[in-house]
Amino acid sequence: MSGPSEETTKMNHVTRGVMGTPVWDVLVATARLDRARQLSDAHADLVMAQRRLLWLLMDGEPHTMRDIAEQLQLEQSTVNRQVNAAITAGLLERVKAQGESAHSLTVTEKGLAVFSADVARAARHFEAALGALPDGRAEEYVKLMGVFASAYRDAVDAEVGAVPPAAAAPTA
């Protein structure tokens, strides 16, 4: 009978310090969430870039391409591609207010409908997951998850450099 494979030995070396700890449990749980989110996104009407754009523009304020690039912390060329794709898909439109030199972007009726359906679909998934928690624990979990997510973001920011709040994930 042969011993563990080389890959297993390497994995054991990497995970030795965290396996069986709460950190390991979080790593495993977030990996499962990531896989579920990827599956959900594969069947969504919006891709992540469109979702981020629409979420940002749902505040009802006029946004220029420069505003979007700054708030999402993306290169102008990336924003141009994403916005043009969203315009082509009928999700956004350019408008120019009287007396303004730059065009602003607004969400179209189609964009609103698709975004609303996307949010409703995600809400159904989260509602089902929250429903699996013990009675009366969902509110506590949501509060703790908020604290955890903020602390995790702060730890990442401290290690790799802070991201301006406007570029952070939506909190609504």
N, C-alpha and C. Protein backbone atom coordinates (compact mmCIF):
# COMPACT_ATOMS: atom_id res chain seq x y z
N MET A 1 0.85 -1.18 0.00
CA MET A 1 0.00 0.00 0.00
C MET A 1 0.89 1.24 0.00
N SER A 2 0.60 2.16 -0.85
CA SER A 2 1.44 3.35 -0.97
C SER A 2 0.96 4.44 -0.02
N GLY A 3 1.84 5.38 0.25
CA GLY A 3 1.53 6.50 1.15
C GLY A 3 0.79 7.59 0.40
N PRO A 4 0.62 8.72 1.06
CA PRO A 4 -0.09 9.84 0.43
C PRO A 4 0.65 10.35 -0.80
N SER A 5 -0.13 10.86 -1.75
CA SER A 5 0.47 11.40 -2.97
C SER A 5 1.28 12.65 -2.64
N GLU A 6 2.10 13.04 -3.59
CA GLU A 6 2.91 14.25 -3.41
C GLU A 6 2.01 15.47 -3.25
N GLU A 7 0.91 15.51 -4.03
CA GLU A 7 -0.02 16.63 -3.94
C GLU A 7 -0.66 16.70 -2.55
N THR A 8 -1.05 15.54 -2.00
CA THR A 8 -1.64 15.50 -0.67
C THR A 8 -0.64 15.97 0.37
N THR A 9 0.59 15.55 0.24
CA THR A 9 1.62 15.96 1.17
C THR A 9 1.82 17.48 1.11
N LYS A 10 1.86 18.03 -0.09
CA LYS A 10 2.01 19.48 -0.25
C LYS A 10 0.82 20.20 0.37
N MET A 11 -0.41 19.71 0.11
CA MET A 11 -1.61 20.34 0.64
C MET A 11 -1.60 20.29 2.17
N ASN A 12 -1.21 19.16 2.74
CA ASN A 12 -1.14 19.05 4.19
C ASN A 12 -0.16 20.05 4.78
N HIS A 13 0.96 20.26 4.10
CA HIS A 13 1.95 21.23 4.56
C HIS A 13 1.35 22.64 4.54
N VAL A 14 0.62 22.98 3.49
CA VAL A 14 0.04 24.31 3.35
C VAL A 14 -1.07 24.54 4.38
N THR A 15 -1.90 23.54 4.62
CA THR A 15 -3.08 23.70 5.46
C THR A 15 -2.86 23.34 6.93
N ARG A 16 -1.70 22.81 7.26
CA ARG A 16 -1.44 22.30 8.61
C ARG A 16 -1.79 23.33 9.69
N GLY A 17 -1.46 24.58 9.49
CA GLY A 17 -1.67 25.59 10.52
C GLY A 17 -3.11 26.05 10.68
N VAL A 18 -3.95 25.79 9.68
CA VAL A 18 -5.33 26.31 9.77
C VAL A 18 -6.40 25.22 9.79
N MET A 19 -6.08 24.03 9.32
CA MET A 19 -7.08 22.97 9.26
C MET A 19 -7.63 22.68 10.66
N GLY A 20 -8.95 22.58 10.76
CA GLY A 20 -9.58 22.30 12.04
C GLY A 20 -9.81 23.53 12.90
N THR A 21 -9.51 24.72 12.37
CA THR A 21 -9.72 25.96 13.12
C THR A 21 -10.89 26.73 12.51
N PRO A 22 -11.39 27.75 13.21
CA PRO A 22 -12.44 28.58 12.62
C PRO A 22 -12.00 29.23 11.30
N VAL A 23 -10.73 29.55 11.18
CA VAL A 23 -10.23 30.13 9.92
C VAL A 23 -10.43 29.13 8.78
N TRP A 24 -10.12 27.86 9.03
CA TRP A 24 -10.33 26.83 8.02
C TRP A 24 -11.81 26.74 7.64
N ASP A 25 -12.67 26.76 8.65
CA ASP A 25 -14.11 26.67 8.40
C ASP A 25 -14.58 27.85 7.52
N VAL A 26 -14.03 29.03 7.77
CA VAL A 26 -14.38 30.20 6.95
C VAL A 26 -13.84 30.03 5.53
N LEU A 27 -12.62 29.53 5.39
CA LEU A 27 -12.06 29.28 4.05
C LEU A 27 -12.95 28.32 3.26
N VAL A 28 -13.38 27.24 3.89
CA VAL A 28 -14.22 26.25 3.23
C VAL A 28 -15.59 26.86 2.89
N ALA A 29 -16.19 27.56 3.86
CA ALA A 29 -17.52 28.15 3.63
C ALA A 29 -17.49 29.20 2.52
N THR A 30 -16.46 30.04 2.50
CA THR A 30 -16.40 31.06 1.45
C THR A 30 -16.12 30.44 0.09
N ALA A 31 -15.37 29.33 0.07
CA ALA A 31 -15.17 28.63 -1.21
C ALA A 31 -16.51 28.10 -1.73
N ARG A 32 -17.34 27.56 -0.83
CA ARG A 32 -18.66 27.08 -1.25
C ARG A 32 -19.53 28.24 -1.73
N LEU A 33 -19.47 29.38 -1.03
CA LEU A 33 -20.22 30.56 -1.47
C LEU A 33 -19.74 31.03 -2.84
N ASP A 34 -18.43 31.05 -3.04
CA ASP A 34 -17.88 31.46 -4.34
C ASP A 34 -18.38 30.56 -5.47
N ARG A 35 -18.38 29.25 -5.23
CA ARG A 35 -18.87 28.32 -6.26
C ARG A 35 -20.35 28.54 -6.54
N ALA A 36 -21.14 28.76 -5.50
CA ALA A 36 -22.57 29.01 -5.69
C ALA A 36 -22.79 30.32 -6.43
N ARG A 37 -22.00 31.34 -6.09
CA ARG A 37 -22.14 32.63 -6.77
C ARG A 37 -21.76 32.51 -8.25
N GLN A 38 -20.71 31.76 -8.54
CA GLN A 38 -20.32 31.55 -9.94
C GLN A 38 -21.42 30.85 -10.71
N LEU A 39 -22.04 29.86 -10.11
CA LEU A 39 -23.15 29.16 -10.75
C LEU A 39 -24.32 30.10 -10.97
N SER A 40 -24.64 30.87 -9.96
CA SER A 40 -25.73 31.85 -10.07
C SER A 40 -25.43 32.86 -11.17
N ASP A 41 -24.20 33.39 -11.17
CA ASP A 41 -23.82 34.38 -12.18
C ASP A 41 -23.87 33.81 -13.59
N ALA A 42 -23.57 32.51 -13.73
CA ALA A 42 -23.60 31.89 -15.05
C ALA A 42 -25.02 31.85 -15.62
N HIS A 43 -26.02 31.96 -14.76
CA HIS A 43 -27.42 31.92 -15.20
C HIS A 43 -28.11 33.27 -15.06
N ALA A 44 -27.35 34.30 -14.78
CA ALA A 44 -27.90 35.65 -14.61
C ALA A 44 -27.98 36.37 -15.95
N ASP A 45 -28.84 37.37 -16.00
CA ASP A 45 -28.96 38.19 -17.20
C ASP A 45 -27.88 39.26 -17.26
N LEU A 46 -27.26 39.57 -16.12
CA LEU A 46 -26.21 40.58 -16.06
C LEU A 46 -24.88 39.92 -15.73
N VAL A 47 -23.82 40.43 -16.34
CA VAL A 47 -22.49 40.02 -15.93
C VAL A 47 -22.05 40.97 -14.81
N MET A 48 -21.03 40.59 -14.08
CA MET A 48 -20.60 41.37 -12.92
C MET A 48 -20.33 42.83 -13.26
N ALA A 49 -19.69 43.11 -14.37
CA ALA A 49 -19.38 44.50 -14.75
C ALA A 49 -20.66 45.30 -14.93
N GLN A 50 -21.67 44.70 -15.57
CA GLN A 50 -22.95 45.39 -15.76
C GLN A 50 -23.63 45.62 -14.42
N ARG A 51 -23.58 44.62 -13.56
CA ARG A 51 -24.21 44.73 -12.24
C ARG A 51 -23.58 45.87 -11.45
N ARG A 52 -22.25 45.97 -11.47
CA ARG A 52 -21.57 47.05 -10.74
C ARG A 52 -21.93 48.41 -11.30
N LEU A 53 -21.96 48.52 -12.62
CA LEU A 53 -22.34 49.79 -13.24
C LEU A 53 -23.75 50.20 -12.86
N LEU A 54 -24.68 49.28 -12.99
CA LEU A 54 -26.07 49.60 -12.70
C LEU A 54 -26.25 49.93 -11.22
N TRP A 55 -25.58 49.18 -10.35
CA TRP A 55 -25.69 49.46 -8.91
C TRP A 55 -25.22 50.88 -8.63
N LEU A 56 -24.09 51.26 -9.21
CA LEU A 56 -23.55 52.60 -9.02
C LEU A 56 -24.51 53.66 -9.54
N LEU A 57 -25.10 53.42 -10.69
CA LEU A 57 -25.96 54.42 -11.32
C LEU A 57 -27.38 54.46 -10.75
N MET A 58 -27.73 53.52 -9.89
CA MET A 58 -29.07 53.49 -9.30
C MET A 58 -29.29 54.59 -8.28
N ASP A 59 -28.25 55.36 -7.96
CA ASP A 59 -28.42 56.42 -6.96
C ASP A 59 -29.17 57.63 -7.53
N GLY A 60 -29.43 57.61 -8.84
CA GLY A 60 -30.19 58.69 -9.46
C GLY A 60 -29.38 59.94 -9.77
N GLU A 61 -28.13 59.95 -9.38
CA GLU A 61 -27.26 61.09 -9.65
C GLU A 61 -26.64 60.95 -11.04
N PRO A 62 -26.37 62.07 -11.71
CA PRO A 62 -25.68 61.96 -13.00
C PRO A 62 -24.23 61.56 -12.79
N HIS A 63 -23.76 60.66 -13.64
CA HIS A 63 -22.38 60.18 -13.55
C HIS A 63 -21.74 60.28 -14.92
N THR A 64 -20.54 60.84 -14.95
CA THR A 64 -19.76 60.86 -16.18
C THR A 64 -18.87 59.62 -16.20
N MET A 65 -18.27 59.37 -17.34
CA MET A 65 -17.34 58.25 -17.46
C MET A 65 -16.20 58.41 -16.45
N ARG A 66 -15.72 59.63 -16.29
CA ARG A 66 -14.63 59.89 -15.34
C ARG A 66 -15.09 59.56 -13.92
N ASP A 67 -16.31 59.97 -13.56
CA ASP A 67 -16.86 59.65 -12.23
C ASP A 67 -16.86 58.15 -12.00
N ILE A 68 -17.34 57.43 -12.99
CA ILE A 68 -17.45 55.97 -12.86
C ILE A 68 -16.07 55.35 -12.69
N ALA A 69 -15.12 55.79 -13.50
CA ALA A 69 -13.76 55.24 -13.40
C ALA A 69 -13.19 55.48 -12.01
N GLU A 70 -13.39 56.67 -11.47
CA GLU A 70 -12.89 56.99 -10.14
C GLU A 70 -13.59 56.16 -9.07
N GLN A 71 -14.91 56.09 -9.14
CA GLN A 71 -15.66 55.40 -8.09
C GLN A 71 -15.45 53.89 -8.12
N LEU A 72 -15.26 53.32 -9.29
CA LEU A 72 -15.04 51.88 -9.38
C LEU A 72 -13.56 51.52 -9.37
N GLN A 73 -12.69 52.55 -9.34
CA GLN A 73 -11.25 52.33 -9.34
C GLN A 73 -10.82 51.48 -10.53
N LEU A 74 -11.30 51.89 -11.71
CA LEU A 74 -10.96 51.20 -12.95
C LEU A 74 -10.30 52.17 -13.90
N GLU A 75 -9.54 51.62 -14.83
CA GLU A 75 -8.95 52.44 -15.89
C GLU A 75 -10.06 52.99 -16.77
N GLN A 76 -9.84 54.18 -17.30
CA GLN A 76 -10.83 54.81 -18.17
C GLN A 76 -11.18 53.92 -19.36
N SER A 77 -10.19 53.24 -19.93
CA SER A 77 -10.44 52.38 -21.09
C SER A 77 -11.35 51.20 -20.71
N THR A 78 -11.18 50.68 -19.50
CA THR A 78 -12.03 49.58 -19.04
C THR A 78 -13.47 50.07 -18.88
N VAL A 79 -13.62 51.25 -18.28
CA VAL A 79 -14.96 51.82 -18.10
C VAL A 79 -15.59 52.10 -19.47
N ASN A 80 -14.81 52.61 -20.40
CA ASN A 80 -15.34 52.87 -21.75
C ASN A 80 -15.90 51.59 -22.36
N ARG A 81 -15.14 50.50 -22.28
CA ARG A 81 -15.61 49.23 -22.83
C ARG A 81 -16.87 48.75 -22.14
N GLN A 82 -16.87 48.80 -20.81
CA GLN A 82 -18.02 48.31 -20.05
C GLN A 82 -19.26 49.16 -20.30
N VAL A 83 -19.10 50.46 -20.33
CA VAL A 83 -20.24 51.36 -20.57
C VAL A 83 -20.75 51.17 -21.99
N ASN A 84 -19.86 51.10 -22.96
CA ASN A 84 -20.31 50.91 -24.35
C ASN A 84 -21.06 49.59 -24.51
N ALA A 85 -20.59 48.54 -23.84
CA ALA A 85 -21.29 47.25 -23.89
C ALA A 85 -22.67 47.37 -23.25
N ALA A 86 -22.76 48.09 -22.14
CA ALA A 86 -24.05 48.27 -21.47
C ALA A 86 -25.00 49.12 -22.31
N ILE A 87 -24.46 50.10 -23.02
CA ILE A 87 -25.29 50.92 -23.92
C ILE A 87 -25.79 50.07 -25.07
N THR A 88 -24.90 49.29 -25.67
CA THR A 88 -25.27 48.40 -26.77
C THR A 88 -26.35 47.41 -26.33
N ALA A 89 -26.25 46.94 -25.07
CA ALA A 89 -27.23 46.00 -24.55
C ALA A 89 -28.54 46.69 -24.16
N GLY A 90 -28.57 48.02 -24.25
CA GLY A 90 -29.79 48.76 -23.92
C GLY A 90 -29.99 48.99 -22.43
N LEU A 91 -28.93 48.82 -21.63
CA LEU A 91 -29.05 48.98 -20.19
C LEU A 91 -28.81 50.41 -19.72
N LEU A 92 -27.99 51.14 -20.47
CA LEU A 92 -27.64 52.53 -20.15
C LEU A 92 -27.84 53.40 -21.37
N GLU A 93 -27.95 54.71 -21.10
CA GLU A 93 -27.97 55.67 -22.20
C GLU A 93 -27.19 56.91 -21.79
N ARG A 94 -26.62 57.56 -22.80
CA ARG A 94 -25.91 58.81 -22.55
C ARG A 94 -26.90 59.96 -22.69
N VAL A 95 -26.81 60.90 -21.77
CA VAL A 95 -27.65 62.11 -21.85
C VAL A 95 -26.75 63.31 -21.59
N LYS A 96 -27.12 64.41 -22.22
CA LYS A 96 -26.34 65.63 -22.02
C LYS A 96 -27.30 66.70 -21.53
N ALA A 97 -27.10 67.10 -20.29
CA ALA A 97 -27.94 68.14 -19.71
C ALA A 97 -27.57 69.49 -20.33
N GLN A 98 -28.57 70.35 -20.43
CA GLN A 98 -28.34 71.66 -21.01
C GLN A 98 -27.30 72.41 -20.17
N GLY A 99 -26.32 72.96 -20.84
CA GLY A 99 -25.26 73.71 -20.18
C GLY A 99 -24.11 72.85 -19.68
N GLU A 100 -24.20 71.56 -19.82
CA GLU A 100 -23.13 70.66 -19.38
C GLU A 100 -22.25 70.32 -20.57
N SER A 101 -20.95 70.16 -20.33
CA SER A 101 -20.05 69.82 -21.43
C SER A 101 -19.90 68.31 -21.59
N ALA A 102 -20.04 67.57 -20.50
CA ALA A 102 -19.86 66.12 -20.56
C ALA A 102 -21.20 65.41 -20.54
N HIS A 103 -21.25 64.27 -21.21
CA HIS A 103 -22.43 63.43 -21.16
C HIS A 103 -22.49 62.72 -19.81
N SER A 104 -23.69 62.51 -19.33
CA SER A 104 -23.90 61.70 -18.14
C SER A 104 -24.54 60.40 -18.59
N LEU A 105 -24.48 59.43 -17.72
CA LEU A 105 -25.08 58.13 -18.01
C LEU A 105 -26.27 57.90 -17.10
N THR A 106 -27.32 57.34 -17.67
CA THR A 106 -28.49 56.99 -16.86
C THR A 106 -28.91 55.57 -17.22
N VAL A 107 -29.62 54.96 -16.31
CA VAL A 107 -30.13 53.61 -16.50
C VAL A 107 -31.42 53.69 -17.32
N THR A 108 -31.53 52.84 -18.31
CA THR A 108 -32.74 52.79 -19.14
C THR A 108 -33.82 51.98 -18.41
N GLU A 109 -35.03 52.01 -18.96
CA GLU A 109 -36.11 51.18 -18.41
C GLU A 109 -35.73 49.71 -18.46
N LYS A 110 -35.11 49.30 -19.57
CA LYS A 110 -34.66 47.91 -19.68
C LYS A 110 -33.61 47.61 -18.62
N GLY A 111 -32.67 48.53 -18.45
CA GLY A 111 -31.63 48.34 -17.43
C GLY A 111 -32.22 48.21 -16.04
N LEU A 112 -33.23 49.04 -15.75
CA LEU A 112 -33.90 48.97 -14.45
C LEU A 112 -34.61 47.64 -14.27
N ALA A 113 -35.29 47.18 -15.31
CA ALA A 113 -36.01 45.91 -15.23
C ALA A 113 -35.06 44.74 -15.04
N VAL A 114 -33.98 44.71 -15.80
CA VAL A 114 -33.02 43.60 -15.71
C VAL A 114 -32.31 43.63 -14.35
N PHE A 115 -31.94 44.83 -13.91
CA PHE A 115 -31.28 44.95 -12.62
C PHE A 115 -32.22 44.54 -11.49
N SER A 116 -33.47 44.97 -11.57
CA SER A 116 -34.46 44.60 -10.55
C SER A 116 -34.64 43.08 -10.49
N ALA A 117 -34.71 42.44 -11.65
CA ALA A 117 -34.84 40.98 -11.68
C ALA A 117 -33.60 40.31 -11.10
N ASP A 118 -32.43 40.87 -11.38
CA ASP A 118 -31.17 40.33 -10.87
C ASP A 118 -31.12 40.43 -9.35
N VAL A 119 -31.52 41.58 -8.81
CA VAL A 119 -31.53 41.76 -7.36
C VAL A 119 -32.56 40.82 -6.73
N ALA A 120 -33.73 40.68 -7.35
CA ALA A 120 -34.77 39.80 -6.81
C ALA A 120 -34.29 38.35 -6.79
N ARG A 121 -33.59 37.92 -7.83
CA ARG A 121 -33.06 36.55 -7.88
C ARG A 121 -32.06 36.33 -6.77
N ALA A 122 -31.14 37.27 -6.60
CA ALA A 122 -30.14 37.15 -5.54
C ALA A 122 -30.82 37.17 -4.16
N ALA A 123 -31.83 38.01 -4.01
CA ALA A 123 -32.55 38.08 -2.74
C ALA A 123 -33.23 36.75 -2.41
N ARG A 124 -33.78 36.08 -3.42
CA ARG A 124 -34.40 34.77 -3.19
C ARG A 124 -33.37 33.77 -2.68
N HIS A 125 -32.18 33.79 -3.27
CA HIS A 125 -31.13 32.87 -2.85
C HIS A 125 -30.72 33.15 -1.40
N PHE A 126 -30.52 34.43 -1.08
CA PHE A 126 -30.13 34.78 0.28
C PHE A 126 -31.25 34.50 1.28
N GLU A 127 -32.48 34.74 0.87
CA GLU A 127 -33.62 34.46 1.75
C GLU A 127 -33.69 32.97 2.08
N ALA A 128 -33.47 32.13 1.07
CA ALA A 128 -33.47 30.69 1.30
C ALA A 128 -32.34 30.29 2.25
N ALA A 129 -31.18 30.87 2.06
CA ALA A 129 -30.04 30.55 2.92
C ALA A 129 -30.28 31.03 4.35
N LEU A 130 -30.80 32.24 4.49
CA LEU A 130 -31.10 32.75 5.83
C LEU A 130 -32.18 31.91 6.51
N GLY A 131 -33.10 31.38 5.71
CA GLY A 131 -34.16 30.53 6.24
C GLY A 131 -33.63 29.22 6.79
N ALA A 132 -32.44 28.83 6.39
CA ALA A 132 -31.84 27.58 6.89
C ALA A 132 -31.21 27.76 8.27
N LEU A 133 -31.08 29.01 8.71
CA LEU A 133 -30.50 29.26 10.03
C LEU A 133 -31.51 28.92 11.12
N PRO A 134 -31.03 28.61 12.32
CA PRO A 134 -31.96 28.33 13.42
C PRO A 134 -32.91 29.52 13.65
N ASP A 135 -34.09 29.21 14.15
CA ASP A 135 -35.10 30.25 14.40
C ASP A 135 -34.53 31.42 15.19
N GLY A 136 -34.83 32.61 14.70
CA GLY A 136 -34.42 33.83 15.39
C GLY A 136 -32.97 34.20 15.26
N ARG A 137 -32.20 33.50 14.46
CA ARG A 137 -30.76 33.76 14.38
C ARG A 137 -30.35 34.54 13.13
N ALA A 138 -31.26 34.72 12.18
CA ALA A 138 -30.90 35.38 10.92
C ALA A 138 -30.44 36.81 11.15
N GLU A 139 -31.15 37.56 11.96
CA GLU A 139 -30.77 38.96 12.20
C GLU A 139 -29.39 39.05 12.86
N GLU A 140 -29.15 38.17 13.83
CA GLU A 140 -27.85 38.13 14.49
C GLU A 140 -26.75 37.78 13.47
N TYR A 141 -27.02 36.79 12.61
CA TYR A 141 -26.04 36.39 11.60
C TYR A 141 -25.71 37.55 10.67
N VAL A 142 -26.74 38.26 10.22
CA VAL A 142 -26.53 39.37 9.29
C VAL A 142 -25.67 40.45 9.94
N LYS A 143 -25.94 40.76 11.19
CA LYS A 143 -25.12 41.76 11.89
C LYS A 143 -23.67 41.29 12.02
N LEU A 144 -23.50 40.04 12.43
CA LEU A 144 -22.15 39.51 12.57
C LEU A 144 -21.44 39.42 11.22
N MET A 145 -22.16 39.06 10.18
CA MET A 145 -21.57 38.98 8.84
C MET A 145 -21.11 40.36 8.39
N GLY A 146 -21.89 41.40 8.71
CA GLY A 146 -21.49 42.77 8.38
C GLY A 146 -20.21 43.16 9.09
N VAL A 147 -20.12 42.84 10.36
CA VAL A 147 -18.90 43.12 11.13
C VAL A 147 -17.73 42.35 10.53
N PHE A 148 -17.96 41.07 10.23
CA PHE A 148 -16.91 40.22 9.67
C PHE A 148 -16.44 40.78 8.32
N ALA A 149 -17.39 41.13 7.44
CA ALA A 149 -17.03 41.63 6.11
C ALA A 149 -16.23 42.92 6.20
N SER A 150 -16.62 43.81 7.10
CA SER A 150 -15.87 45.07 7.27
C SER A 150 -14.47 44.81 7.80
N ALA A 151 -14.35 43.92 8.78
CA ALA A 151 -13.04 43.60 9.34
C ALA A 151 -12.15 42.92 8.29
N TYR A 152 -12.75 42.05 7.49
CA TYR A 152 -12.00 41.37 6.43
C TYR A 152 -11.50 42.40 5.41
N ARG A 153 -12.39 43.31 4.99
CA ARG A 153 -11.99 44.37 4.05
C ARG A 153 -10.87 45.20 4.63
N ASP A 154 -10.97 45.56 5.92
CA ASP A 154 -9.92 46.36 6.57
C ASP A 154 -8.59 45.61 6.58
N ALA A 155 -8.63 44.30 6.84
CA ALA A 155 -7.40 43.50 6.86
C ALA A 155 -6.77 43.46 5.47
N VAL A 156 -7.60 43.30 4.45
CA VAL A 156 -7.08 43.29 3.08
C VAL A 156 -6.52 44.66 2.72
N ASP A 157 -7.26 45.72 3.06
CA ASP A 157 -6.79 47.08 2.78
C ASP A 157 -5.44 47.35 3.45
N ALA A 158 -5.29 46.87 4.69
CA ALA A 158 -4.04 47.10 5.42
C ALA A 158 -2.87 46.38 4.75
N GLU A 159 -3.16 45.24 4.12
CA GLU A 159 -2.08 44.47 3.50
C GLU A 159 -1.76 44.92 2.09
N VAL A 160 -2.79 45.24 1.31
CA VAL A 160 -2.56 45.53 -0.11
C VAL A 160 -2.78 46.99 -0.48
N GLY A 161 -3.25 47.78 0.44
CA GLY A 161 -3.50 49.18 0.16
C GLY A 161 -4.99 49.46 0.20
N ALA A 162 -5.33 50.54 0.82
CA ALA A 162 -6.74 50.88 1.01
C ALA A 162 -7.41 51.23 -0.30
N VAL A 163 -8.66 50.82 -0.40
CA VAL A 163 -9.50 51.15 -1.54
C VAL A 163 -10.42 52.26 -1.09
N PRO A 164 -10.55 53.35 -1.85
CA PRO A 164 -11.44 54.41 -1.45
C PRO A 164 -12.86 53.88 -1.23
N PRO A 165 -13.59 54.42 -0.25
CA PRO A 165 -14.93 53.93 0.07
C PRO A 165 -15.88 53.88 -1.14
N ALA A 166 -15.77 54.83 -2.05
CA ALA A 166 -16.67 54.85 -3.21
C ALA A 166 -16.49 53.63 -4.07
N ALA A 167 -15.34 52.99 -4.04
CA ALA A 167 -15.08 51.81 -4.87
C ALA A 167 -15.42 50.53 -4.13
N ALA A 168 -15.77 50.64 -2.87
CA ALA A 168 -16.09 49.45 -2.09
C ALA A 168 -17.41 48.86 -2.57
N ALA A 169 -17.65 47.62 -2.18
CA ALA A 169 -18.87 46.95 -2.56
C ALA A 169 -20.08 47.69 -2.02
N PRO A 170 -21.20 47.58 -2.71
CA PRO A 170 -22.42 48.24 -2.25
C PRO A 170 -22.81 47.76 -0.85
N THR A 171 -23.38 48.67 -0.09
CA THR A 171 -23.78 48.33 1.28
C THR A 171 -25.29 48.32 1.43
N ALA A 172 -26.01 48.66 0.41
CA ALA A 172 -27.47 48.72 0.52
C ALA A 172 -28.08 47.35 0.51
